[in-house]
Amino acid sequence: MAESKLEIIIMATNLAQYTMRITTNRKRYPAKYITLVQRIQNTCMDIYEFLLDANRLNIKTSKAERLELQTRAINSCDKLSCYIEISLNLNTVGNNTIEHWQKSINDVKYMAIAWRNKDKIR
């Protein structure tokens, strides 16, 4: 399981980097969308931090806390997807960008779900 945890951290890092590249582009997100940009960026960083913190907890001694962090990461993926959908509706990003972004979010989300499910049965 150590490999997949490391893989999910790498995927969350890549998602954060992609998100920062997209959202710091003022041609895509003019200053009037600063609230949306902040929500997107903060939520993306939350995903990374929740997963990193969960990975650092020992399943034997901190199972409930670890499961909670995994759940919070999954919920944050759902929030991020919603913010990305809003971006599409505001025409700040195109379909190709959205497709790549949503795929990255879903990859992290479903890997986190699988990790949490494995931890639940331990």
PDB file of N, CA and C in Angstrom:
ATOM      1  N   MET A   1       0.819  -1.200   0.000  1.00  0.00           N
ATOM      2  CA  MET A   1       0.000   0.000   0.000  1.00  0.00           C
ATOM      3  C   MET A   1       0.855   1.253   0.000  1.00  0.00           C
ATOM      4  N   ALA A   2       2.087   1.167   0.455  1.00  0.00           N
ATOM      5  CA  ALA A   2       2.947   2.354   0.516  1.00  0.00           C
ATOM      6  C   ALA A   2       3.127   2.989  -0.853  1.00  0.00           C
ATOM      7  N   GLU A   3       3.241   2.160  -1.893  1.00  0.00           N
ATOM      8  CA  GLU A   3       3.405   2.696  -3.238  1.00  0.00           C
ATOM      9  C   GLU A   3       2.209   3.524  -3.667  1.00  0.00           C
ATOM     10  N   SER A   4       0.995   3.016  -3.460  1.00  0.00           N
ATOM     11  CA  SER A   4      -0.184   3.747  -3.904  1.00  0.00           C
ATOM     12  C   SER A   4      -0.370   5.031  -3.104  1.00  0.00           C
ATOM     13  N   LYS A   5      -0.001   5.020  -1.823  1.00  0.00           N
ATOM     14  CA  LYS A   5      -0.095   6.256  -1.041  1.00  0.00           C
ATOM     15  C   LYS A   5       0.861   7.289  -1.609  1.00  0.00           C
ATOM     16  N   LEU A   6       2.050   6.876  -1.891  1.00  0.00           N
ATOM     17  CA  LEU A   6       3.013   7.792  -2.494  1.00  0.00           C
ATOM     18  C   LEU A   6       2.498   8.268  -3.844  1.00  0.00           C
ATOM     19  N   GLU A   7       1.916   7.387  -4.589  1.00  0.00           N
ATOM     20  CA  GLU A   7       1.375   7.755  -5.896  1.00  0.00           C
ATOM     21  C   GLU A   7       0.267   8.803  -5.759  1.00  0.00           C
ATOM     22  N   ILE A   8      -0.593   8.649  -4.772  1.00  0.00           N
ATOM     23  CA  ILE A   8      -1.677   9.612  -4.603  1.00  0.00           C
ATOM     24  C   ILE A   8      -1.136  10.977  -4.181  1.00  0.00           C
ATOM     25  N   ILE A   9      -0.073  10.993  -3.411  1.00  0.00           N
ATOM     26  CA  ILE A   9       0.547  12.266  -3.015  1.00  0.00           C
ATOM     27  C   ILE A   9       1.142  12.943  -4.253  1.00  0.00           C
ATOM     28  N   ILE A  10       1.781  12.179  -5.095  1.00  0.00           N
ATOM     29  CA  ILE A  10       2.344  12.723  -6.342  1.00  0.00           C
ATOM     30  C   ILE A  10       1.218  13.255  -7.229  1.00  0.00           C
ATOM     31  N   MET A  11       0.138  12.511  -7.331  1.00  0.00           N
ATOM     32  CA  MET A  11      -0.994  12.957  -8.152  1.00  0.00           C
ATOM     33  C   MET A  11      -1.609  14.239  -7.589  1.00  0.00           C
ATOM     34  N   ALA A  12      -1.718  14.333  -6.276  1.00  0.00           N
ATOM     35  CA  ALA A  12      -2.260  15.541  -5.648  1.00  0.00           C
ATOM     36  C   ALA A  12      -1.329  16.731  -5.868  1.00  0.00           C
ATOM     37  N   THR A  13      -0.025  16.485  -5.841  1.00  0.00           N
ATOM     38  CA  THR A  13       0.950  17.544  -6.123  1.00  0.00           C
ATOM     39  C   THR A  13       0.813  18.025  -7.562  1.00  0.00           C
ATOM     40  N   ASN A  14       0.694  17.094  -8.486  1.00  0.00           N
ATOM     41  CA  ASN A  14       0.520  17.453  -9.899  1.00  0.00           C
ATOM     42  C   ASN A  14      -0.776  18.233 -10.119  1.00  0.00           C
ATOM     43  N   LEU A  15      -1.833  17.823  -9.440  1.00  0.00           N
ATOM     44  CA  LEU A  15      -3.104  18.538  -9.524  1.00  0.00           C
ATOM     45  C   LEU A  15      -2.944  19.967  -9.014  1.00  0.00           C
ATOM     46  N   ALA A  16      -2.249  20.131  -7.905  1.00  0.00           N
ATOM     47  CA  ALA A  16      -2.031  21.469  -7.341  1.00  0.00           C
ATOM     48  C   ALA A  16      -1.214  22.341  -8.296  1.00  0.00           C
ATOM     49  N   GLN A  17      -0.181  21.776  -8.881  1.00  0.00           N
ATOM     50  CA  GLN A  17       0.651  22.550  -9.809  1.00  0.00           C
ATOM     51  C   GLN A  17      -0.150  22.966 -11.037  1.00  0.00           C
ATOM     52  N   TYR A  18      -0.921  22.054 -11.586  1.00  0.00           N
ATOM     53  CA  TYR A  18      -1.754  22.367 -12.750  1.00  0.00           C
ATOM     54  C   TYR A  18      -2.768  23.455 -12.393  1.00  0.00           C
ATOM     55  N   THR A  19      -3.384  23.300 -11.257  1.00  0.00           N
ATOM     56  CA  THR A  19      -4.378  24.268 -10.800  1.00  0.00           C
ATOM     57  C   THR A  19      -3.764  25.658 -10.647  1.00  0.00           C
ATOM     58  N   MET A  20      -2.598  25.734 -10.064  1.00  0.00           N
ATOM     59  CA  MET A  20      -1.943  27.034  -9.884  1.00  0.00           C
ATOM     60  C   MET A  20      -1.590  27.667 -11.228  1.00  0.00           C
ATOM     61  N   ARG A  21      -1.127  26.845 -12.168  1.00  0.00           N
ATOM     62  CA  ARG A  21      -0.806  27.381 -13.497  1.00  0.00           C
ATOM     63  C   ARG A  21      -2.039  27.972 -14.171  1.00  0.00           C
ATOM     64  N   ILE A  22      -3.133  27.273 -14.083  1.00  0.00           N
ATOM     65  CA  ILE A  22      -4.372  27.722 -14.731  1.00  0.00           C
ATOM     66  C   ILE A  22      -4.927  28.965 -14.034  1.00  0.00           C
ATOM     67  N   THR A  23      -5.013  28.922 -12.731  1.00  0.00           N
ATOM     68  CA  THR A  23      -5.712  29.983 -12.002  1.00  0.00           C
ATOM     69  C   THR A  23      -4.899  31.258 -11.828  1.00  0.00           C
ATOM     70  N   THR A  24      -3.600  31.211 -12.022  1.00  0.00           N
ATOM     71  CA  THR A  24      -2.806  32.437 -11.929  1.00  0.00           C
ATOM     72  C   THR A  24      -2.716  33.166 -13.260  1.00  0.00           C
ATOM     73  N   ASN A  25      -3.284  32.582 -14.299  1.00  0.00           N
ATOM     74  CA  ASN A  25      -3.308  33.213 -15.613  1.00  0.00           C
ATOM     75  C   ASN A  25      -4.437  34.246 -15.637  1.00  0.00           C
ATOM     76  N   ARG A  26      -4.086  35.522 -15.619  1.00  0.00           N
ATOM     77  CA  ARG A  26      -5.079  36.599 -15.564  1.00  0.00           C
ATOM     78  C   ARG A  26      -5.902  36.723 -16.845  1.00  0.00           C
ATOM     79  N   LYS A  27      -5.437  36.134 -17.937  1.00  0.00           N
ATOM     80  CA  LYS A  27      -6.255  36.111 -19.149  1.00  0.00           C
ATOM     81  C   LYS A  27      -7.438  35.162 -18.963  1.00  0.00           C
ATOM     82  N   ARG A  28      -7.228  34.100 -18.210  1.00  0.00           N
ATOM     83  CA  ARG A  28      -8.299  33.146 -17.930  1.00  0.00           C
ATOM     84  C   ARG A  28      -9.172  33.617 -16.770  1.00  0.00           C
ATOM     85  N   TYR A  29      -8.520  34.071 -15.716  1.00  0.00           N
ATOM     86  CA  TYR A  29      -9.215  34.483 -14.500  1.00  0.00           C
ATOM     87  C   TYR A  29      -8.882  35.934 -14.177  1.00  0.00           C
ATOM     88  N   PRO A  30      -9.640  36.874 -14.737  1.00  0.00           N
ATOM     89  CA  PRO A  30      -9.406  38.283 -14.417  1.00  0.00           C
ATOM     90  C   PRO A  30      -9.641  38.543 -12.926  1.00  0.00           C
ATOM     91  N   ALA A  31      -9.181  39.688 -12.465  1.00  0.00           N
ATOM     92  CA  ALA A  31      -9.257  40.047 -11.048  1.00  0.00           C
ATOM     93  C   ALA A  31     -10.665  39.955 -10.472  1.00  0.00           C
ATOM     94  N   LYS A  32     -11.682  40.151 -11.286  1.00  0.00           N
ATOM     95  CA  LYS A  32     -13.062  40.097 -10.784  1.00  0.00           C
ATOM     96  C   LYS A  32     -13.452  38.703 -10.280  1.00  0.00           C
ATOM     97  N   TYR A  33     -12.665  37.673 -10.635  1.00  0.00           N
ATOM     98  CA  TYR A  33     -12.938  36.311 -10.183  1.00  0.00           C
ATOM     99  C   TYR A  33     -12.016  35.879  -9.043  1.00  0.00           C
ATOM    100  N   ILE A  34     -11.478  36.824  -8.305  1.00  0.00           N
ATOM    101  CA  ILE A  34     -10.499  36.513  -7.258  1.00  0.00           C
ATOM    102  C   ILE A  34     -11.066  35.561  -6.203  1.00  0.00           C
ATOM    103  N   THR A  35     -12.326  35.719  -5.853  1.00  0.00           N
ATOM    104  CA  THR A  35     -12.928  34.830  -4.847  1.00  0.00           C
ATOM    105  C   THR A  35     -12.958  33.390  -5.349  1.00  0.00           C
ATOM    106  N   LEU A  36     -13.348  33.208  -6.591  1.00  0.00           N
ATOM    107  CA  LEU A  36     -13.370  31.876  -7.175  1.00  0.00           C
ATOM    108  C   LEU A  36     -11.961  31.290  -7.244  1.00  0.00           C
ATOM    109  N   VAL A  37     -11.002  32.087  -7.665  1.00  0.00           N
ATOM    110  CA  VAL A  37      -9.614  31.630  -7.751  1.00  0.00           C
ATOM    111  C   VAL A  37      -9.111  31.198  -6.379  1.00  0.00           C
ATOM    112  N   GLN A  38      -9.380  31.984  -5.364  1.00  0.00           N
ATOM    113  CA  GLN A  38      -8.930  31.635  -4.017  1.00  0.00           C
ATOM    114  C   GLN A  38      -9.564  30.338  -3.533  1.00  0.00           C
ATOM    115  N   ARG A  39     -10.843  30.180  -3.813  1.00  0.00           N
ATOM    116  CA  ARG A  39     -11.518  28.932  -3.409  1.00  0.00           C
ATOM    117  C   ARG A  39     -10.911  27.730  -4.125  1.00  0.00           C
ATOM    118  N   ILE A  40     -10.683  27.877  -5.420  1.00  0.00           N
ATOM    119  CA  ILE A  40     -10.090  26.786  -6.196  1.00  0.00           C
ATOM    120  C   ILE A  40      -8.711  26.442  -5.643  1.00  0.00           C
ATOM    121  N   GLN A  41      -7.866  27.441  -5.477  1.00  0.00           N
ATOM    122  CA  GLN A  41      -6.502  27.209  -5.012  1.00  0.00           C
ATOM    123  C   GLN A  41      -6.476  26.628  -3.599  1.00  0.00           C
ATOM    124  N   ASN A  42      -7.260  27.190  -2.710  1.00  0.00           N
ATOM    125  CA  ASN A  42      -7.274  26.700  -1.326  1.00  0.00           C
ATOM    126  C   ASN A  42      -7.812  25.278  -1.232  1.00  0.00           C
ATOM    127  N   THR A  43      -8.845  24.990  -1.980  1.00  0.00           N
ATOM    128  CA  THR A  43      -9.414  23.642  -1.963  1.00  0.00           C
ATOM    129  C   THR A  43      -8.422  22.629  -2.513  1.00  0.00           C
ATOM    130  N   CYS A  44      -7.733  23.005  -3.557  1.00  0.00           N
ATOM    131  CA  CYS A  44      -6.733  22.122  -4.142  1.00  0.00           C
ATOM    132  C   CYS A  44      -5.596  21.844  -3.149  1.00  0.00           C
ATOM    133  N   MET A  45      -5.150  22.859  -2.464  1.00  0.00           N
ATOM    134  CA  MET A  45      -4.094  22.682  -1.470  1.00  0.00           C
ATOM    135  C   MET A  45      -4.602  21.861  -0.285  1.00  0.00           C
ATOM    136  N   ASP A  46      -5.877  22.040   0.068  1.00  0.00           N
ATOM    137  CA  ASP A  46      -6.466  21.228   1.141  1.00  0.00           C
ATOM    138  C   ASP A  46      -6.409  19.750   0.790  1.00  0.00           C
ATOM    139  N   ILE A  47      -6.740  19.419  -0.448  1.00  0.00           N
ATOM    140  CA  ILE A  47      -6.697  18.019  -0.890  1.00  0.00           C
ATOM    141  C   ILE A  47      -5.311  17.445  -0.646  1.00  0.00           C
ATOM    142  N   TYR A  48      -4.306  18.151  -1.108  1.00  0.00           N
ATOM    143  CA  TYR A  48      -2.925  17.693  -0.927  1.00  0.00           C
ATOM    144  C   TYR A  48      -2.600  17.519   0.558  1.00  0.00           C
ATOM    145  N   GLU A  49      -2.932  18.525   1.361  1.00  0.00           N
ATOM    146  CA  GLU A  49      -2.589  18.484   2.786  1.00  0.00           C
ATOM    147  C   GLU A  49      -3.327  17.375   3.532  1.00  0.00           C
ATOM    148  N   PHE A  50      -4.600  17.172   3.236  1.00  0.00           N
ATOM    149  CA  PHE A  50      -5.354  16.103   3.888  1.00  0.00           C
ATOM    150  C   PHE A  50      -4.732  14.742   3.585  1.00  0.00           C
ATOM    151  N   LEU A  51      -4.371  14.522   2.327  1.00  0.00           N
ATOM    152  CA  LEU A  51      -3.779  13.246   1.935  1.00  0.00           C
ATOM    153  C   LEU A  51      -2.393  13.054   2.548  1.00  0.00           C
ATOM    154  N   LEU A  52      -1.601  14.106   2.547  1.00  0.00           N
ATOM    155  CA  LEU A  52      -0.267  14.027   3.142  1.00  0.00           C
ATOM    156  C   LEU A  52      -0.366  13.739   4.635  1.00  0.00           C
ATOM    157  N   ASP A  53      -1.253  14.449   5.318  1.00  0.00           N
ATOM    158  CA  ASP A  53      -1.424  14.229   6.757  1.00  0.00           C
ATOM    159  C   ASP A  53      -1.943  12.825   7.049  1.00  0.00           C
ATOM    160  N   ALA A  54      -2.886  12.345   6.252  1.00  0.00           N
ATOM    161  CA  ALA A  54      -3.418  10.990   6.435  1.00  0.00           C
ATOM    162  C   ALA A  54      -2.315   9.951   6.255  1.00  0.00           C
ATOM    163  N   ASN A  55      -1.466  10.179   5.272  1.00  0.00           N
ATOM    164  CA  ASN A  55      -0.384   9.239   4.998  1.00  0.00           C
ATOM    165  C   ASN A  55       0.615   9.163   6.153  1.00  0.00           C
ATOM    166  N   ARG A  56       0.743  10.230   6.880  1.00  0.00           N
ATOM    167  CA  ARG A  56       1.709  10.274   7.984  1.00  0.00           C
ATOM    168  C   ARG A  56       1.182   9.623   9.256  1.00  0.00           C
ATOM    169  N   LEU A  57      -0.122   9.366   9.325  1.00  0.00           N
ATOM    170  CA  LEU A  57      -0.708   8.769  10.518  1.00  0.00           C
ATOM    171  C   LEU A  57      -0.609   7.250  10.466  1.00  0.00           C
ATOM    172  N   ASN A  58      -0.330   6.665  11.602  1.00  0.00           N
ATOM    173  CA  ASN A  58      -0.254   5.219  11.720  1.00  0.00           C
ATOM    174  C   ASN A  58      -1.670   4.655  11.795  1.00  0.00           C
ATOM    175  N   ILE A  59      -1.984   3.723  10.939  1.00  0.00           N
ATOM    176  CA  ILE A  59      -3.323   3.131  10.882  1.00  0.00           C
ATOM    177  C   ILE A  59      -3.662   2.419  12.188  1.00  0.00           C
ATOM    178  N   LYS A  60      -2.670   1.891  12.874  1.00  0.00           N
ATOM    179  CA  LYS A  60      -2.919   1.141  14.111  1.00  0.00           C
ATOM    180  C   LYS A  60      -3.265   2.057  15.275  1.00  0.00           C
ATOM    181  N   THR A  61      -2.697   3.236  15.295  1.00  0.00           N
ATOM    182  CA  THR A  61      -2.906   4.125  16.438  1.00  0.00           C
ATOM    183  C   THR A  61      -3.835   5.303  16.145  1.00  0.00           C
ATOM    184  N   SER A  62      -4.047   5.617  14.881  1.00  0.00           N
ATOM    185  CA  SER A  62      -4.840   6.807  14.519  1.00  0.00           C
ATOM    186  C   SER A  62      -5.804   6.523  13.371  1.00  0.00           C
ATOM    187  N   LYS A  63      -6.439   5.364  13.403  1.00  0.00           N
ATOM    188  CA  LYS A  63      -7.290   4.951  12.298  1.00  0.00           C
ATOM    189  C   LYS A  63      -8.432   5.935  12.034  1.00  0.00           C
ATOM    190  N   ALA A  64      -9.152   6.336  13.063  1.00  0.00           N
ATOM    191  CA  ALA A  64     -10.310   7.226  12.878  1.00  0.00           C
ATOM    192  C   ALA A  64      -9.881   8.565  12.288  1.00  0.00           C
ATOM    193  N   GLU A  65      -8.785   9.108  12.782  1.00  0.00           N
ATOM    194  CA  GLU A  65      -8.296  10.393  12.272  1.00  0.00           C
ATOM    195  C   GLU A  65      -7.843  10.262  10.824  1.00  0.00           C
ATOM    196  N   ARG A  66      -7.188   9.163  10.528  1.00  0.00           N
ATOM    197  CA  ARG A  66      -6.717   8.926   9.164  1.00  0.00           C
ATOM    198  C   ARG A  66      -7.895   8.802   8.195  1.00  0.00           C
ATOM    199  N   LEU A  67      -8.923   8.050   8.582  1.00  0.00           N
ATOM    200  CA  LEU A  67     -10.112   7.916   7.745  1.00  0.00           C
ATOM    201  C   LEU A  67     -10.805   9.262   7.562  1.00  0.00           C
ATOM    202  N   GLU A  68     -10.837  10.066   8.610  1.00  0.00           N
ATOM    203  CA  GLU A  68     -11.451  11.394   8.522  1.00  0.00           C
ATOM    204  C   GLU A  68     -10.701  12.280   7.522  1.00  0.00           C
ATOM    205  N   LEU A  69      -9.389  12.263   7.557  1.00  0.00           N
ATOM    206  CA  LEU A  69      -8.596  13.065   6.614  1.00  0.00           C
ATOM    207  C   LEU A  69      -8.805  12.595   5.174  1.00  0.00           C
ATOM    208  N   GLN A  70      -8.880  11.295   4.990  1.00  0.00           N
ATOM    209  CA  GLN A  70      -9.148  10.757   3.654  1.00  0.00           C
ATOM    210  C   GLN A  70     -10.521  11.223   3.164  1.00  0.00           C
ATOM    211  N   THR A  71     -11.501  11.173   4.038  1.00  0.00           N
ATOM    212  CA  THR A  71     -12.856  11.619   3.685  1.00  0.00           C
ATOM    213  C   THR A  71     -12.876  13.106   3.358  1.00  0.00           C
ATOM    214  N   ARG A  72     -12.155  13.883   4.127  1.00  0.00           N
ATOM    215  CA  ARG A  72     -12.100  15.323   3.863  1.00  0.00           C
ATOM    216  C   ARG A  72     -11.454  15.599   2.503  1.00  0.00           C
ATOM    217  N   ALA A  73     -10.446  14.830   2.143  1.00  0.00           N
ATOM    218  CA  ALA A  73      -9.816  14.982   0.818  1.00  0.00           C
ATOM    219  C   ALA A  73     -10.815  14.650  -0.289  1.00  0.00           C
ATOM    220  N   ILE A  74     -11.570  13.590  -0.102  1.00  0.00           N
ATOM    221  CA  ILE A  74     -12.574  13.183  -1.090  1.00  0.00           C
ATOM    222  C   ILE A  74     -13.640  14.265  -1.236  1.00  0.00           C
ATOM    223  N   ASN A  75     -14.119  14.780  -0.115  1.00  0.00           N
ATOM    224  CA  ASN A  75     -15.119  15.852  -0.150  1.00  0.00           C
ATOM    225  C   ASN A  75     -14.561  17.104  -0.816  1.00  0.00           C
ATOM    226  N   SER A  76     -13.305  17.392  -0.582  1.00  0.00           N
ATOM    227  CA  SER A  76     -12.673  18.555  -1.215  1.00  0.00           C
ATOM    228  C   SER A  76     -12.557  18.368  -2.719  1.00  0.00           C
ATOM    229  N   CYS A  77     -12.360  17.136  -3.166  1.00  0.00           N
ATOM    230  CA  CYS A  77     -12.353  16.862  -4.609  1.00  0.00           C
ATOM    231  C   CYS A  77     -13.705  17.213  -5.217  1.00  0.00           C
ATOM    232  N   ASP A  78     -14.779  16.877  -4.510  1.00  0.00           N
ATOM    233  CA  ASP A  78     -16.121  17.215  -4.999  1.00  0.00           C
ATOM    234  C   ASP A  78     -16.317  18.724  -5.069  1.00  0.00           C
ATOM    235  N   LYS A  79     -15.852  19.438  -4.063  1.00  0.00           N
ATOM    236  CA  LYS A  79     -15.952  20.901  -4.063  1.00  0.00           C
ATOM    237  C   LYS A  79     -15.156  21.490  -5.222  1.00  0.00           C
ATOM    238  N   LEU A  80     -13.939  20.989  -5.408  1.00  0.00           N
ATOM    239  CA  LEU A  80     -13.097  21.495  -6.485  1.00  0.00           C
ATOM    240  C   LEU A  80     -13.762  21.270  -7.843  1.00  0.00           C
ATOM    241  N   SER A  81     -14.366  20.115  -8.030  1.00  0.00           N
ATOM    242  CA  SER A  81     -15.078  19.844  -9.283  1.00  0.00           C
ATOM    243  C   SER A  81     -16.196  20.849  -9.514  1.00  0.00           C
ATOM    244  N   CYS A  82     -16.883  21.195  -8.455  1.00  0.00           N
ATOM    245  CA  CYS A  82     -17.953  22.196  -8.564  1.00  0.00           C
ATOM    246  C   CYS A  82     -17.392  23.552  -8.975  1.00  0.00           C
ATOM    247  N   TYR A  83     -16.295  23.969  -8.375  1.00  0.00           N
ATOM    248  CA  TYR A  83     -15.677  25.251  -8.716  1.00  0.00           C
ATOM    249  C   TYR A  83     -15.181  25.259 -10.163  1.00  0.00           C
ATOM    250  N   ILE A  84     -14.710  24.113 -10.626  1.00  0.00           N
ATOM    251  CA  ILE A  84     -14.241  23.999 -11.999  1.00  0.00           C
ATOM    252  C   ILE A  84     -15.432  24.115 -12.959  1.00  0.00           C
ATOM    253  N   GLU A  85     -16.542  23.523 -12.587  1.00  0.00           N
ATOM    254  CA  GLU A  85     -17.766  23.622 -13.387  1.00  0.00           C
ATOM    255  C   GLU A  85     -18.229  25.079 -13.469  1.00  0.00           C
ATOM    256  N   ILE A  86     -18.135  25.794 -12.368  1.00  0.00           N
ATOM    257  CA  ILE A  86     -18.482  27.220 -12.369  1.00  0.00           C
ATOM    258  C   ILE A  86     -17.567  27.971 -13.339  1.00  0.00           C
ATOM    259  N   SER A  87     -16.293  27.628 -13.324  1.00  0.00           N
ATOM    260  CA  SER A  87     -15.337  28.261 -14.240  1.00  0.00           C
ATOM    261  C   SER A  87     -15.730  28.051 -15.692  1.00  0.00           C
ATOM    262  N   LEU A  88     -16.159  26.839 -16.010  1.00  0.00           N
ATOM    263  CA  LEU A  88     -16.606  26.549 -17.373  1.00  0.00           C
ATOM    264  C   LEU A  88     -17.816  27.404 -17.720  1.00  0.00           C
ATOM    265  N   ASN A  89     -18.758  27.478 -16.806  1.00  0.00           N
ATOM    266  CA  ASN A  89     -19.980  28.249 -17.050  1.00  0.00           C
ATOM    267  C   ASN A  89     -19.706  29.745 -17.178  1.00  0.00           C
ATOM    268  N   LEU A  90     -18.633  30.217 -16.558  1.00  0.00           N
ATOM    269  CA  LEU A  90     -18.239  31.624 -16.670  1.00  0.00           C
ATOM    270  C   LEU A  90     -17.332  31.875 -17.876  1.00  0.00           C
ATOM    271  N   ASN A  91     -17.052  30.821 -18.628  1.00  0.00           N
ATOM    272  CA  ASN A  91     -16.186  30.904 -19.814  1.00  0.00           C
ATOM    273  C   ASN A  91     -14.765  31.363 -19.494  1.00  0.00           C
ATOM    274  N   THR A  92     -14.263  30.997 -18.319  1.00  0.00           N
ATOM    275  CA  THR A  92     -12.882  31.341 -17.990  1.00  0.00           C
ATOM    276  C   THR A  92     -11.900  30.293 -18.500  1.00  0.00           C
ATOM    277  N   VAL A  93     -12.395  29.087 -18.702  1.00  0.00           N
ATOM    278  CA  VAL A  93     -11.571  28.000 -19.233  1.00  0.00           C
ATOM    279  C   VAL A  93     -12.372  27.232 -20.270  1.00  0.00           C
ATOM    280  N   GLY A  94     -11.662  26.598 -21.174  1.00  0.00           N
ATOM    281  CA  GLY A  94     -12.307  25.846 -22.244  1.00  0.00           C
ATOM    282  C   GLY A  94     -12.537  24.392 -21.893  1.00  0.00           C
ATOM    283  N   ASN A  95     -13.209  23.708 -22.783  1.00  0.00           N
ATOM    284  CA  ASN A  95     -13.557  22.303 -22.567  1.00  0.00           C
ATOM    285  C   ASN A  95     -12.337  21.400 -22.407  1.00  0.00           C
ATOM    286  N   ASN A  96     -11.292  21.610 -23.192  1.00  0.00           N
ATOM    287  CA  ASN A  96     -10.105  20.760 -23.084  1.00  0.00           C
ATOM    288  C   ASN A  96      -9.447  20.899 -21.720  1.00  0.00           C
ATOM    289  N   THR A  97      -9.368  22.135 -21.244  1.00  0.00           N
ATOM    290  CA  THR A  97      -8.786  22.371 -19.929  1.00  0.00           C
ATOM    291  C   THR A  97      -9.632  21.706 -18.855  1.00  0.00           C
ATOM    292  N   ILE A  98     -10.940  21.877 -18.959  1.00  0.00           N
ATOM    293  CA  ILE A  98     -11.867  21.286 -17.989  1.00  0.00           C
ATOM    294  C   ILE A  98     -11.754  19.764 -17.980  1.00  0.00           C
ATOM    295  N   GLU A  99     -11.696  19.166 -19.156  1.00  0.00           N
ATOM    296  CA  GLU A  99     -11.601  17.706 -19.232  1.00  0.00           C
ATOM    297  C   GLU A  99     -10.342  17.197 -18.538  1.00  0.00           C
ATOM    298  N   HIS A 100      -9.219  17.826 -18.802  1.00  0.00           N
ATOM    299  CA  HIS A 100      -7.968  17.411 -18.164  1.00  0.00           C
ATOM    300  C   HIS A 100      -8.035  17.624 -16.653  1.00  0.00           C
ATOM    301  N   TRP A 101      -8.537  18.769 -16.261  1.00  0.00           N
ATOM    302  CA  TRP A 101      -8.632  19.124 -14.847  1.00  0.00           C
ATOM    303  C   TRP A 101      -9.542  18.150 -14.099  1.00  0.00           C
ATOM    304  N   GLN A 102     -10.718  17.903 -14.661  1.00  0.00           N
ATOM    305  CA  GLN A 102     -11.660  16.993 -14.007  1.00  0.00           C
ATOM    306  C   GLN A 102     -11.107  15.569 -13.938  1.00  0.00           C
ATOM    307  N   LYS A 103     -10.397  15.145 -14.961  1.00  0.00           N
ATOM    308  CA  LYS A 103      -9.792  13.811 -14.930  1.00  0.00           C
ATOM    309  C   LYS A 103      -8.774  13.724 -13.800  1.00  0.00           C
ATOM    310  N   SER A 104      -7.965  14.756 -13.639  1.00  0.00           N
ATOM    311  CA  SER A 104      -6.978  14.772 -12.563  1.00  0.00           C
ATOM    312  C   SER A 104      -7.647  14.735 -11.194  1.00  0.00           C
ATOM    313  N   ILE A 105      -8.712  15.508 -11.056  1.00  0.00           N
ATOM    314  CA  ILE A 105      -9.454  15.517  -9.783  1.00  0.00           C
ATOM    315  C   ILE A 105     -10.042  14.135  -9.513  1.00  0.00           C
ATOM    316  N   ASN A 106     -10.678  13.553 -10.519  1.00  0.00           N
ATOM    317  CA  ASN A 106     -11.288  12.230 -10.347  1.00  0.00           C
ATOM    318  C   ASN A 106     -10.261  11.150 -10.058  1.00  0.00           C
ATOM    319  N   ASP A 107      -9.102  11.228 -10.691  1.00  0.00           N
ATOM    320  CA  ASP A 107      -8.047  10.246 -10.406  1.00  0.00           C
ATOM    321  C   ASP A 107      -7.652  10.292  -8.935  1.00  0.00           C
ATOM    322  N   VAL A 108      -7.463  11.499  -8.408  1.00  0.00           N
ATOM    323  CA  VAL A 108      -7.111  11.649  -6.995  1.00  0.00           C
ATOM    324  C   VAL A 108      -8.264  11.160  -6.117  1.00  0.00           C
ATOM    325  N   LYS A 109      -9.466  11.570  -6.454  1.00  0.00           N
ATOM    326  CA  LYS A 109     -10.635  11.211  -5.651  1.00  0.00           C
ATOM    327  C   LYS A 109     -10.811   9.701  -5.560  1.00  0.00           C
ATOM    328  N   TYR A 110     -10.794   9.017  -6.705  1.00  0.00           N
ATOM    329  CA  TYR A 110     -11.064   7.582  -6.682  1.00  0.00           C
ATOM    330  C   TYR A 110      -9.911   6.783  -6.084  1.00  0.00           C
ATOM    331  N   MET A 111      -8.708   7.297  -6.192  1.00  0.00           N
ATOM    332  CA  MET A 111      -7.595   6.637  -5.517  1.00  0.00           C
ATOM    333  C   MET A 111      -7.728   6.820  -4.001  1.00  0.00           C
ATOM    334  N   ALA A 112      -8.175   8.002  -3.571  1.00  0.00           N
ATOM    335  CA  ALA A 112      -8.393   8.247  -2.146  1.00  0.00           C
ATOM    336  C   ALA A 112      -9.512   7.356  -1.604  1.00  0.00           C
ATOM    337  N   ILE A 113     -10.564   7.180  -2.395  1.00  0.00           N
ATOM    338  CA  ILE A 113     -11.664   6.298  -1.979  1.00  0.00           C
ATOM    339  C   ILE A 113     -11.166   4.863  -1.813  1.00  0.00           C
ATOM    340  N   ALA A 114     -10.374   4.400  -2.760  1.00  0.00           N
ATOM    341  CA  ALA A 114      -9.835   3.038  -2.682  1.00  0.00           C
ATOM    342  C   ALA A 114      -8.930   2.883  -1.460  1.00  0.00           C
ATOM    343  N   TRP A 115      -8.098   3.882  -1.197  1.00  0.00           N
ATOM    344  CA  TRP A 115      -7.207   3.856  -0.045  1.00  0.00           C
ATOM    345  C   TRP A 115      -8.019   3.819   1.248  1.00  0.00           C
ATOM    346  N   ARG A 116      -9.043   4.670   1.328  1.00  0.00           N
ATOM    347  CA  ARG A 116      -9.892   4.704   2.528  1.00  0.00           C
ATOM    348  C   ARG A 116     -10.602   3.372   2.722  1.00  0.00           C
ATOM    349  N   ASN A 117     -11.114   2.788   1.654  1.00  0.00           N
ATOM    350  CA  ASN A 117     -11.805   1.487   1.763  1.00  0.00           C
ATOM    351  C   ASN A 117     -10.875   0.397   2.270  1.00  0.00           C
ATOM    352  N   LYS A 118      -9.624   0.415   1.816  1.00  0.00           N
ATOM    353  CA  LYS A 118      -8.647  -0.569   2.306  1.00  0.00           C
ATOM    354  C   LYS A 118      -8.347  -0.349   3.775  1.00  0.00           C
ATOM    355  N   ASP A 119      -8.223   0.914   4.160  1.00  0.00           N
ATOM    356  CA  ASP A 119      -7.945   1.220   5.563  1.00  0.00           C
ATOM    357  C   ASP A 119      -9.119   0.854   6.467  1.00  0.00           C
ATOM    358  N   LYS A 120     -10.335   0.957   5.975  1.00  0.00           N
ATOM    359  CA  LYS A 120     -11.517   0.626   6.786  1.00  0.00           C
ATOM    360  C   LYS A 120     -11.522  -0.834   7.212  1.00  0.00           C
ATOM    361  N   ILE A 121     -11.038  -1.714   6.338  1.00  0.00           N
ATOM    362  CA  ILE A 121     -11.095  -3.143   6.662  1.00  0.00           C
ATOM    363  C   ILE A 121      -9.870  -3.629   7.447  1.00  0.00           C
ATOM    364  N   ARG A 122      -8.934  -2.772   7.673  1.00  0.00           N
ATOM    365  CA  ARG A 122      -7.741  -3.157   8.453  1.00  0.00           C
ATOM    366  C   ARG A 122      -8.063  -3.211   9.921  1.00  0.00           C
TER     367      ARG A 122
END
